[in-house]
Structure formats: structure tokens, C-alpha cells
Amino acid sequence: MSVSVTDEGMPAVVGGLRGYSLPLSPSGRSSMITAPPWHFTGEVVMVDYRVDPDAAAAFLPPGLTPGRDAGAAAAVFAEWQWCSESEEELAEPGHNRFSEFLVLLACEFEGEPMARCPFAWVDQPVPMMRGWLQGMPKQFGSVHQTRAATVGRAASRLEAGGTFTGTLSVRGRRAVEATVTLKGIAPEPPALHMVPLAHTLHFPDWTTANPSRPDLVASQVSGVEFSEVWSGTAEMGFLDVLGADFAGLAPIEIGAGHVFSYAETLHGGRVLMNGKD
């Protein structure tokens, strides 16, 4: 079945069915994923750490190199709100909120600093599917983190001594746990949260035995905003429940922890390497 594009920019399938993603419909408004740009606002608990450089390099596809800081990595817990350009999702908090955990590995593409995400988990279907469109390897998991508050004793404060914890559970089993104890405001945001993410567009073709090689792409964002970044000491452990590949990215050294708010607009991806060439 061939695909064309309408004057409005929405993909249309021969026969009148439309949609940016499945499910297709006559109006095109039943798609699970809306067309970009997508706007995100989140609360982040992040831990810098170091991984075995050889283990990290094994997760980098052709085109990416470990770069000048081989073995640098980060674990990121985040609670997000998102909306499309219409902002209609803001009226549906059950739809536009999700939690996420991901691992980032420092890397470079032709000398440009980037980060590679070898593993990610989210707790809602829309961000999981949207991640696949981007080339992010998102799976289902249960992600929780401490929320800052300004009153009461049952929450942490963004101040020296404040303690923030993040956890990831997968299939009912605790997989990652981290705690950050704040010391003060950092002079700048953490390095691995300030670089483009490099993804692999990989969709198995179940109709042929010879699928094309995947493309290497990088995220394109604008409107990046950071709140004050509070930093301090961190503790983190990867529990042995997700297999040898994930265990290979366990910390060999724990760095600083960070707590901050972050916002961006994601416009799509730019091609780094075209697998069809």
C-alpha cells in the first residue's frame, strides 16, 4: 500500500485513511502519536557515574566513538508533562504525564559530543511508542522519584541536606535505586544533559529476509531551559535482575547527583548516517 502526504502535511494512505502514526482513520485524528513538535517540561533526579569503557564502547553503533571522556555515563529519573503544538493534551493530565528512567553514555560523532541511550523505561504507552519513532529503546517499567516541596515534613526541599531518591522496577522487580543528597547550587547543568542524543532507527521488516541497515540520527531541540541545578553526593546501585547486557553498564564509580527542572521542544531528528547509502 503506497503512502502520500496531504497538503496539510499529514500522511495519507491510499484509500483515504490518514494518520501520523497508527491507528489510521478517515480524519487522521485517531493516531496514537501526534506530529512534532512536542513540548516537554520535567523534574529530574540525575546521577553522574562511570562505566567500564569497553562495556560502553560495545553499545556504540558504527559512526559513534567513545570520545574524549570514555566511560562517562549518567542515570536519569524524570517526571514529565508534554503537549503537542495545539496544547490540547494539557487538559488531560492522565494522558500527558509520564515517568521515565534512562541510561546515557558519553560519545561523539565526528568530534561532536553526544549521548547514547542504550536502555530506557517509561510507564505510559504514548512515550514508549514515540521513543521508538525517535530510535530510543523504551520499554515498560515503573519509575518513581522524590518530589520537592516547600511546606511540611513529608517531602524533601531544594536546599542543602535535601535528599532525593529514584527507583526503577521492571516486571515487578527492583532494578535500579539511587539517592542524591544536596550540597549546593551547581555552576552549570550536568554535561550529559546538554548534548544531542544519538539514536538508531531500527524497525524490523517482517516481510523480507533482507531488511535495510538502520539510520543513525540525532535529536533536534529548541527552547531548552534549566532551573537552578542543585548538586551533591550520590549513591546508586544496579540490581542483578535485567540480564548481563544491562549489568555490564553498572557503575564502577559514582559521581555527583543533581536535581533540577528541565524543558525543551523536540522537533524531530537529523540524519547522521544513512543506512541506505
C-alpha atoms as a PDB file:
ATOM      1  CA  MET A   1       0.000   0.000   0.000  1.00  0.00           C
ATOM      2  CA  SER A   2       1.528   3.311  -1.063  1.00  0.00           C
ATOM      3  CA  VAL A   3       1.675   6.399   1.122  1.00  0.00           C
ATOM      4  CA  SER A   4       1.322  10.040   0.124  1.00  0.00           C
ATOM      5  CA  VAL A   5       1.351  13.318   2.062  1.00  0.00           C
ATOM      6  CA  THR A   6      -1.577  15.715   2.158  1.00  0.00           C
ATOM      7  CA  ASP A   7      -1.361  19.475   1.666  1.00  0.00           C
ATOM      8  CA  GLU A   8      -1.720  19.844   5.436  1.00  0.00           C
ATOM      9  CA  GLY A   9       1.404  17.757   5.995  1.00  0.00           C
ATOM     10  CA  MET A  10      -0.462  14.770   7.451  1.00  0.00           C
ATOM     11  CA  PRO A  11       0.461  11.406   5.883  1.00  0.00           C
ATOM     12  CA  ALA A  12      -2.425   9.896   3.942  1.00  0.00           C
ATOM     13  CA  VAL A  13      -2.725   6.261   2.897  1.00  0.00           C
ATOM     14  CA  VAL A  14      -4.298   5.356  -0.426  1.00  0.00           C
ATOM     15  CA  GLY A  15      -7.956   4.707   0.287  1.00  0.00           C
ATOM     16  CA  GLY A  16      -8.413   7.842   2.357  1.00  0.00           C
ATOM     17  CA  LEU A  17      -7.027   6.670   5.707  1.00  0.00           C
ATOM     18  CA  ARG A  18      -4.721   9.156   7.417  1.00  0.00           C
ATOM     19  CA  GLY A  19      -2.522   9.483  10.442  1.00  0.00           C
ATOM     20  CA  TYR A  20       0.932  10.454  11.674  1.00  0.00           C
ATOM     21  CA  SER A  21       1.052   7.017  13.324  1.00  0.00           C
ATOM     22  CA  LEU A  22      -1.233   4.034  13.713  1.00  0.00           C
ATOM     23  CA  PRO A  23      -4.148   3.754  14.144  1.00  0.00           C
ATOM     24  CA  LEU A  24      -5.098   5.310  10.803  1.00  0.00           C
ATOM     25  CA  SER A  25      -8.578   6.776  10.349  1.00  0.00           C
ATOM     26  CA  PRO A  26     -10.546   8.873   7.840  1.00  0.00           C
ATOM     27  CA  SER A  27      -9.828  12.087   9.775  1.00  0.00           C
ATOM     28  CA  GLY A  28      -6.286  11.182  10.843  1.00  0.00           C
ATOM     29  CA  ARG A  29      -7.071  12.274  14.409  1.00  0.00           C
ATOM     30  CA  SER A  30      -7.064   8.788  15.902  1.00  0.00           C
ATOM     31  CA  SER A  31      -3.280   8.428  15.665  1.00  0.00           C
ATOM     32  CA  MET A  32      -1.611   7.353  18.871  1.00  0.00           C
ATOM     33  CA  ILE A  33       1.227   9.819  18.250  1.00  0.00           C
ATOM     34  CA  THR A  34       0.696  13.419  17.154  1.00  0.00           C
ATOM     35  CA  ALA A  35       3.089  15.061  14.725  1.00  0.00           C
ATOM     36  CA  PRO A  36       6.018  17.027  16.189  1.00  0.00           C
ATOM     37  CA  PRO A  37       6.962  19.441  17.578  1.00  0.00           C
ATOM     38  CA  TRP A  38       6.480  18.024  21.065  1.00  0.00           C
ATOM     39  CA  HIS A  39       6.975  20.194  24.154  1.00  0.00           C
ATOM     40  CA  PHE A  40       8.292  18.720  27.428  1.00  0.00           C
ATOM     41  CA  THR A  41       8.607  20.016  30.982  1.00  0.00           C
ATOM     42  CA  GLY A  42      10.116  17.758  33.614  1.00  0.00           C
ATOM     43  CA  GLU A  43      11.533  17.278  37.099  1.00  0.00           C
ATOM     44  CA  VAL A  44      14.844  15.411  37.023  1.00  0.00           C
ATOM     45  CA  VAL A  45      16.924  13.412  39.502  1.00  0.00           C
ATOM     46  CA  MET A  46      20.216  12.527  37.809  1.00  0.00           C
ATOM     47  CA  VAL A  47      23.395  10.716  38.838  1.00  0.00           C
ATOM     48  CA  ASP A  48      26.713  11.005  37.005  1.00  0.00           C
ATOM     49  CA  TYR A  49      28.761   7.836  37.079  1.00  0.00           C
ATOM     50  CA  ARG A  50      31.435   5.915  35.246  1.00  0.00           C
ATOM     51  CA  VAL A  51      31.062   2.601  33.462  1.00  0.00           C
ATOM     52  CA  ASP A  52      33.689   0.240  32.156  1.00  0.00           C
ATOM     53  CA  PRO A  53      34.868   1.964  28.930  1.00  0.00           C
ATOM     54  CA  ASP A  54      34.924  -1.302  26.987  1.00  0.00           C
ATOM     55  CA  ALA A  55      31.369  -2.105  28.036  1.00  0.00           C
ATOM     56  CA  ALA A  56      30.209   1.354  26.981  1.00  0.00           C
ATOM     57  CA  ALA A  57      32.002   1.136  23.622  1.00  0.00           C
ATOM     58  CA  ALA A  58      30.267  -2.178  22.901  1.00  0.00           C
ATOM     59  CA  PHE A  59      26.911  -0.322  22.887  1.00  0.00           C
ATOM     60  CA  LEU A  60      28.008   2.270  20.318  1.00  0.00           C
ATOM     61  CA  PRO A  61      26.984   1.576  16.712  1.00  0.00           C
ATOM     62  CA  PRO A  62      29.210   2.415  13.718  1.00  0.00           C
ATOM     63  CA  GLY A  63      29.644   6.168  13.448  1.00  0.00           C
ATOM     64  CA  LEU A  64      29.822   6.805  17.180  1.00  0.00           C
ATOM     65  CA  THR A  65      33.055   6.739  19.179  1.00  0.00           C
ATOM     66  CA  PRO A  66      33.627   6.873  22.946  1.00  0.00           C
ATOM     67  CA  GLY A  67      35.161  10.320  22.539  1.00  0.00           C
ATOM     68  CA  ARG A  68      37.315  12.228  24.948  1.00  0.00           C
ATOM     69  CA  ASP A  69      35.589  11.009  28.120  1.00  0.00           C
ATOM     70  CA  ALA A  70      35.228   7.274  27.523  1.00  0.00           C
ATOM     71  CA  GLY A  71      33.211   5.626  30.261  1.00  0.00           C
ATOM     72  CA  ALA A  72      31.280   8.724  31.346  1.00  0.00           C
ATOM     73  CA  ALA A  73      27.634   7.858  31.953  1.00  0.00           C
ATOM     74  CA  ALA A  74      24.512   9.087  33.700  1.00  0.00           C
ATOM     75  CA  ALA A  75      21.331   7.623  35.133  1.00  0.00           C
ATOM     76  CA  VAL A  76      18.286   9.875  34.753  1.00  0.00           C
ATOM     77  CA  PHE A  77      14.956   9.698  36.560  1.00  0.00           C
ATOM     78  CA  ALA A  78      12.345  12.166  35.299  1.00  0.00           C
ATOM     79  CA  GLU A  79       8.675  13.051  35.709  1.00  0.00           C
ATOM     80  CA  TRP A  80       7.394  14.676  32.524  1.00  0.00           C
ATOM     81  CA  GLN A  81       4.464  16.661  31.231  1.00  0.00           C
ATOM     82  CA  TRP A  82       4.193  17.003  27.449  1.00  0.00           C
ATOM     83  CA  CYS A  83       1.968  18.544  24.815  1.00  0.00           C
ATOM     84  CA  SER A  84       1.792  18.968  21.070  1.00  0.00           C
ATOM     85  CA  GLU A  85       1.695  22.334  19.332  1.00  0.00           C
ATOM     86  CA  SER A  86      -2.060  22.630  19.966  1.00  0.00           C
ATOM     87  CA  GLU A  87      -1.506  22.184  23.748  1.00  0.00           C
ATOM     88  CA  GLU A  88      -4.769  20.212  23.886  1.00  0.00           C
ATOM     89  CA  GLU A  89      -3.059  17.471  25.940  1.00  0.00           C
ATOM     90  CA  LEU A  90      -2.663  19.868  28.881  1.00  0.00           C
ATOM     91  CA  ALA A  91      -6.365  19.370  29.635  1.00  0.00           C
ATOM     92  CA  GLU A  92      -5.767  15.623  30.092  1.00  0.00           C
ATOM     93  CA  PRO A  93      -3.303  15.075  32.949  1.00  0.00           C
ATOM     94  CA  GLY A  94      -3.902  11.332  32.764  1.00  0.00           C
ATOM     95  CA  HIS A  95      -2.595  11.410  29.201  1.00  0.00           C
ATOM     96  CA  ASN A  96       0.193  13.989  29.179  1.00  0.00           C
ATOM     97  CA  ARG A  97       2.150  12.868  32.254  1.00  0.00           C
ATOM     98  CA  PHE A  98       4.679  10.054  32.432  1.00  0.00           C
ATOM     99  CA  SER A  99       7.745   8.925  34.336  1.00  0.00           C
ATOM    100  CA  GLU A 100      10.980   7.788  32.748  1.00  0.00           C
ATOM    101  CA  PHE A 101      14.328   6.232  33.564  1.00  0.00           C
ATOM    102  CA  LEU A 102      17.208   6.130  31.118  1.00  0.00           C
ATOM    103  CA  VAL A 103      20.924   5.478  30.928  1.00  0.00           C
ATOM    104  CA  LEU A 104      23.152   7.856  28.956  1.00  0.00           C
ATOM    105  CA  LEU A 105      26.631   7.074  27.639  1.00  0.00           C
ATOM    106  CA  ALA A 106      29.047   9.789  26.544  1.00  0.00           C
ATOM    107  CA  CYS A 107      30.068   9.518  22.896  1.00  0.00           C
ATOM    108  CA  GLU A 108      30.984  11.569  19.832  1.00  0.00           C
ATOM    109  CA  PHE A 109      30.020  11.739  16.177  1.00  0.00           C
ATOM    110  CA  GLU A 110      32.777  13.185  14.000  1.00  0.00           C
ATOM    111  CA  GLY A 111      34.086  15.117  17.012  1.00  0.00           C
ATOM    112  CA  GLU A 112      30.676  16.429  18.139  1.00  0.00           C
ATOM    113  CA  PRO A 113      29.863  15.477  21.767  1.00  0.00           C
ATOM    114  CA  MET A 114      26.670  13.445  22.079  1.00  0.00           C
ATOM    115  CA  ALA A 115      24.999  10.928  24.358  1.00  0.00           C
ATOM    116  CA  ARG A 116      23.770   7.448  23.530  1.00  0.00           C
ATOM    117  CA  CYS A 117      20.774   5.913  25.335  1.00  0.00           C
ATOM    118  CA  PRO A 118      21.171   2.111  25.342  1.00  0.00           C
ATOM    119  CA  PHE A 119      18.261   1.469  27.751  1.00  0.00           C
ATOM    120  CA  ALA A 120      15.129   3.387  28.767  1.00  0.00           C
ATOM    121  CA  TRP A 121      11.887   2.660  30.568  1.00  0.00           C
ATOM    122  CA  VAL A 122       8.611   4.606  30.752  1.00  0.00           C
ATOM    123  CA  ASP A 123       5.267   3.963  32.421  1.00  0.00           C
ATOM    124  CA  GLN A 124       2.888   5.052  29.634  1.00  0.00           C
ATOM    125  CA  PRO A 125       2.311   3.710  26.077  1.00  0.00           C
ATOM    126  CA  VAL A 126       2.444   7.019  24.171  1.00  0.00           C
ATOM    127  CA  PRO A 127       6.004   7.974  25.223  1.00  0.00           C
ATOM    128  CA  MET A 128       7.121   4.392  24.623  1.00  0.00           C
ATOM    129  CA  MET A 129       5.836   4.430  21.048  1.00  0.00           C
ATOM    130  CA  ARG A 130       7.100   7.982  20.497  1.00  0.00           C
ATOM    131  CA  GLY A 131      10.500   6.784  21.682  1.00  0.00           C
ATOM    132  CA  TRP A 132      10.521   4.021  19.076  1.00  0.00           C
ATOM    133  CA  LEU A 133       9.817   6.588  16.365  1.00  0.00           C
ATOM    134  CA  GLN A 134      12.883   8.523  17.572  1.00  0.00           C
ATOM    135  CA  GLY A 135      15.032   5.410  17.835  1.00  0.00           C
ATOM    136  CA  MET A 136      15.013   5.353  21.649  1.00  0.00           C
ATOM    137  CA  PRO A 137      14.840   1.810  23.111  1.00  0.00           C
ATOM    138  CA  LYS A 138      11.963   2.462  25.517  1.00  0.00           C
ATOM    139  CA  GLN A 139      10.304  -0.363  27.446  1.00  0.00           C
ATOM    140  CA  PHE A 140       7.606  -0.518  30.113  1.00  0.00           C
ATOM    141  CA  GLY A 141       8.721  -0.049  33.709  1.00  0.00           C
ATOM    142  CA  SER A 142       7.679   1.513  36.997  1.00  0.00           C
ATOM    143  CA  VAL A 143       9.645   4.679  37.764  1.00  0.00           C
ATOM    144  CA  HIS A 144       9.332   6.700  40.974  1.00  0.00           C
ATOM    145  CA  GLN A 145      11.228   9.651  42.419  1.00  0.00           C
ATOM    146  CA  THR A 146      11.129  12.086  45.315  1.00  0.00           C
ATOM    147  CA  ARG A 147       9.262  15.337  44.653  1.00  0.00           C
ATOM    148  CA  ALA A 148      10.417  18.638  46.107  1.00  0.00           C
ATOM    149  CA  ALA A 149       8.045  20.642  48.277  1.00  0.00           C
ATOM    150  CA  THR A 150       8.063  23.978  50.093  1.00  0.00           C
ATOM    151  CA  VAL A 151       5.957  23.013  53.136  1.00  0.00           C
ATOM    152  CA  GLY A 152       5.672  20.092  55.542  1.00  0.00           C
ATOM    153  CA  ARG A 153       7.958  17.353  56.790  1.00  0.00           C
ATOM    154  CA  ALA A 154       6.841  14.619  54.386  1.00  0.00           C
ATOM    155  CA  ALA A 155       8.846  15.897  51.416  1.00  0.00           C
ATOM    156  CA  SER A 156      12.369  16.982  50.566  1.00  0.00           C
ATOM    157  CA  ARG A 157      13.446  20.597  49.985  1.00  0.00           C
ATOM    158  CA  LEU A 158      15.707  22.062  47.337  1.00  0.00           C
ATOM    159  CA  GLU A 159      18.297  23.077  49.902  1.00  0.00           C
ATOM    160  CA  ALA A 160      21.498  21.761  51.415  1.00  0.00           C
ATOM    161  CA  GLY A 161      20.772  18.422  53.052  1.00  0.00           C
ATOM    162  CA  GLY A 162      17.713  17.693  50.908  1.00  0.00           C
ATOM    163  CA  THR A 163      17.548  14.018  49.906  1.00  0.00           C
ATOM    164  CA  PHE A 164      16.048  12.796  46.632  1.00  0.00           C
ATOM    165  CA  THR A 165      15.607   9.157  45.648  1.00  0.00           C
ATOM    166  CA  GLY A 166      14.766   7.491  42.340  1.00  0.00           C
ATOM    167  CA  THR A 167      13.819   3.881  41.672  1.00  0.00           C
ATOM    168  CA  LEU A 168      13.167   1.712  38.624  1.00  0.00           C
ATOM    169  CA  SER A 169      11.229  -1.558  38.806  1.00  0.00           C
ATOM    170  CA  VAL A 170      10.720  -3.834  35.816  1.00  0.00           C
ATOM    171  CA  ARG A 171       8.199  -6.693  35.778  1.00  0.00           C
ATOM    172  CA  GLY A 172       7.684  -6.229  39.490  1.00  0.00           C
ATOM    173  CA  ARG A 173      11.376  -6.423  40.434  1.00  0.00           C
ATOM    174  CA  ARG A 174      13.517  -3.519  41.678  1.00  0.00           C
ATOM    175  CA  ALA A 175      16.272  -2.897  39.119  1.00  0.00           C
ATOM    176  CA  VAL A 176      17.883   0.477  39.935  1.00  0.00           C
ATOM    177  CA  GLU A 177      17.891   2.676  43.020  1.00  0.00           C
ATOM    178  CA  ALA A 178      19.671   5.982  43.565  1.00  0.00           C
ATOM    179  CA  THR A 179      19.805   8.678  46.223  1.00  0.00           C
ATOM    180  CA  VAL A 180      21.104  12.245  45.902  1.00  0.00           C
ATOM    181  CA  THR A 181      21.909  14.394  48.948  1.00  0.00           C
ATOM    182  CA  LEU A 182      22.120  18.055  48.008  1.00  0.00           C
ATOM    183  CA  LYS A 183      25.006  20.323  48.913  1.00  0.00           C
ATOM    184  CA  GLY A 184      24.527  23.484  46.863  1.00  0.00           C
ATOM    185  CA  ILE A 185      23.740  25.078  43.513  1.00  0.00           C
ATOM    186  CA  ALA A 186      25.966  23.932  40.651  1.00  0.00           C
ATOM    187  CA  PRO A 187      27.616  26.472  38.323  1.00  0.00           C
ATOM    188  CA  GLU A 188      26.209  24.729  35.234  1.00  0.00           C
ATOM    189  CA  PRO A 189      23.936  21.823  34.245  1.00  0.00           C
ATOM    190  CA  PRO A 190      25.353  18.277  34.061  1.00  0.00           C
ATOM    191  CA  ALA A 191      27.266  17.667  30.847  1.00  0.00           C
ATOM    192  CA  LEU A 192      25.297  14.664  29.574  1.00  0.00           C
ATOM    193  CA  HIS A 193      22.035  16.613  29.802  1.00  0.00           C
ATOM    194  CA  MET A 194      23.330  19.331  27.476  1.00  0.00           C
ATOM    195  CA  VAL A 195      24.239  17.352  24.335  1.00  0.00           C
ATOM    196  CA  PRO A 196      22.187  15.841  21.489  1.00  0.00           C
ATOM    197  CA  LEU A 197      21.076  12.222  21.807  1.00  0.00           C
ATOM    198  CA  ALA A 198      22.168   9.843  19.056  1.00  0.00           C
ATOM    199  CA  HIS A 199      19.596   7.151  18.197  1.00  0.00           C
ATOM    200  CA  THR A 200      19.281   4.232  15.815  1.00  0.00           C
ATOM    201  CA  LEU A 201      16.108   3.997  13.722  1.00  0.00           C
ATOM    202  CA  HIS A 202      15.520   0.263  13.715  1.00  0.00           C
ATOM    203  CA  PHE A 203      12.232  -1.297  12.621  1.00  0.00           C
ATOM    204  CA  PRO A 204      12.454  -4.991  11.694  1.00  0.00           C
ATOM    205  CA  ASP A 205      10.911  -5.708   8.317  1.00  0.00           C
ATOM    206  CA  TRP A 206       8.889  -8.864   8.800  1.00  0.00           C
ATOM    207  CA  THR A 207       8.107  -9.112   5.077  1.00  0.00           C
ATOM    208  CA  THR A 208      11.646  -9.771   3.836  1.00  0.00           C
ATOM    209  CA  ALA A 209      14.798 -11.588   4.845  1.00  0.00           C
ATOM    210  CA  ASN A 210      16.994  -8.637   3.816  1.00  0.00           C
ATOM    211  CA  PRO A 211      15.967  -5.508   5.749  1.00  0.00           C
ATOM    212  CA  SER A 212      17.928  -2.317   5.143  1.00  0.00           C
ATOM    213  CA  ARG A 213      20.518  -1.146   7.639  1.00  0.00           C
ATOM    214  CA  PRO A 214      19.191   1.299  10.260  1.00  0.00           C
ATOM    215  CA  ASP A 215      19.849   5.042  10.181  1.00  0.00           C
ATOM    216  CA  LEU A 216      21.808   6.904  12.849  1.00  0.00           C
ATOM    217  CA  VAL A 217      20.013  10.109  13.819  1.00  0.00           C
ATOM    218  CA  ALA A 218      20.351  12.886  16.395  1.00  0.00           C
ATOM    219  CA  SER A 219      17.613  14.723  18.257  1.00  0.00           C
ATOM    220  CA  GLN A 220      16.879  18.339  17.306  1.00  0.00           C
ATOM    221  CA  VAL A 221      15.574  20.503  20.129  1.00  0.00           C
ATOM    222  CA  SER A 222      14.914  24.171  20.879  1.00  0.00           C
ATOM    223  CA  GLY A 223      13.569  26.136  23.819  1.00  0.00           C
ATOM    224  CA  VAL A 224      15.920  24.424  26.270  1.00  0.00           C
ATOM    225  CA  GLU A 225      15.518  25.729  29.817  1.00  0.00           C
ATOM    226  CA  PHE A 226      17.129  24.685  33.090  1.00  0.00           C
ATOM    227  CA  SER A 227      16.114  25.728  36.555  1.00  0.00           C
ATOM    228  CA  GLU A 228      18.831  26.170  39.166  1.00  0.00           C
ATOM    229  CA  VAL A 229      20.671  22.860  39.346  1.00  0.00           C
ATOM    230  CA  TRP A 230      21.157  21.580  42.862  1.00  0.00           C
ATOM    231  CA  SER A 231      24.009  19.095  43.159  1.00  0.00           C
ATOM    232  CA  GLY A 232      25.537  16.926  45.850  1.00  0.00           C
ATOM    233  CA  THR A 233      26.688  13.432  46.676  1.00  0.00           C
ATOM    234  CA  ALA A 234      25.045  10.335  45.238  1.00  0.00           C
ATOM    235  CA  GLU A 235      24.623   6.641  45.887  1.00  0.00           C
ATOM    236  CA  MET A 236      23.356   4.224  43.253  1.00  0.00           C
ATOM    237  CA  GLY A 237      23.059   0.508  42.631  1.00  0.00           C
ATOM    238  CA  PHE A 238      22.036  -1.660  39.679  1.00  0.00           C
ATOM    239  CA  LEU A 239      20.380  -4.836  40.948  1.00  0.00           C
ATOM    240  CA  ASP A 240      21.067  -8.045  39.046  1.00  0.00           C
ATOM    241  CA  VAL A 241      17.600  -8.577  37.529  1.00  0.00           C
ATOM    242  CA  LEU A 242      17.804  -7.222  33.958  1.00  0.00           C
ATOM    243  CA  GLY A 243      20.396  -9.511  32.417  1.00  0.00           C
ATOM    244  CA  ALA A 244      24.070  -9.376  31.569  1.00  0.00           C
ATOM    245  CA  ASP A 245      23.862  -6.580  28.975  1.00  0.00           C
ATOM    246  CA  PHE A 246      22.353  -4.096  31.421  1.00  0.00           C
ATOM    247  CA  ALA A 247      24.571  -5.322  34.267  1.00  0.00           C
ATOM    248  CA  GLY A 248      27.598  -4.509  32.103  1.00  0.00           C
ATOM    249  CA  LEU A 249      26.674  -0.829  32.407  1.00  0.00           C
ATOM    250  CA  ALA A 250      26.635  -0.867  36.209  1.00  0.00           C
ATOM    251  CA  PRO A 251      28.651   1.844  37.970  1.00  0.00           C
ATOM    252  CA  ILE A 252      32.323   1.308  38.636  1.00  0.00           C
ATOM    253  CA  GLU A 253      32.491   4.823  40.153  1.00  0.00           C
ATOM    254  CA  ILE A 254      29.718   7.158  41.370  1.00  0.00           C
ATOM    255  CA  GLY A 255      29.992  10.876  40.679  1.00  0.00           C
ATOM    256  CA  ALA A 256      27.764  13.786  41.615  1.00  0.00           C
ATOM    257  CA  GLY A 257      23.981  13.785  41.810  1.00  0.00           C
ATOM    258  CA  HIS A 258      21.711  16.556  40.530  1.00  0.00           C
ATOM    259  CA  VAL A 259      18.120  17.721  40.975  1.00  0.00           C
ATOM    260  CA  PHE A 260      16.582  20.271  38.592  1.00  0.00           C
ATOM    261  CA  SER A 261      13.703  21.202  36.312  1.00  0.00           C
ATOM    262  CA  TYR A 262      14.151  20.999  32.548  1.00  0.00           C
ATOM    263  CA  ALA A 263      12.184  21.932  29.433  1.00  0.00           C
ATOM    264  CA  GLU A 264      12.659  21.513  25.697  1.00  0.00           C
ATOM    265  CA  THR A 265      10.816  21.332  22.395  1.00  0.00           C
ATOM    266  CA  LEU A 266      11.630  18.292  20.274  1.00  0.00           C
ATOM    267  CA  HIS A 267      11.299  18.942  16.551  1.00  0.00           C
ATOM    268  CA  GLY A 268      12.485  15.654  15.092  1.00  0.00           C
ATOM    269  CA  GLY A 269      15.777  14.091  14.091  1.00  0.00           C
ATOM    270  CA  ARG A 270      18.654  14.938  11.771  1.00  0.00           C
ATOM    271  CA  VAL A 271      20.403  12.187   9.869  1.00  0.00           C
ATOM    272  CA  LEU A 272      23.954  11.425  10.972  1.00  0.00           C
ATOM    273  CA  MET A 273      24.437   8.302   8.850  1.00  0.00           C
ATOM    274  CA  ASN A 274      22.052   6.996   6.219  1.00  0.00           C
ATOM    275  CA  GLY A 275      21.929   3.221   6.309  1.00  0.00           C
ATOM    276  CA  LYS A 276      20.568   3.092   2.778  1.00  0.00           C
ATOM    277  CA  ASP A 277      23.692   4.686   1.260  1.00  0.00           C
END
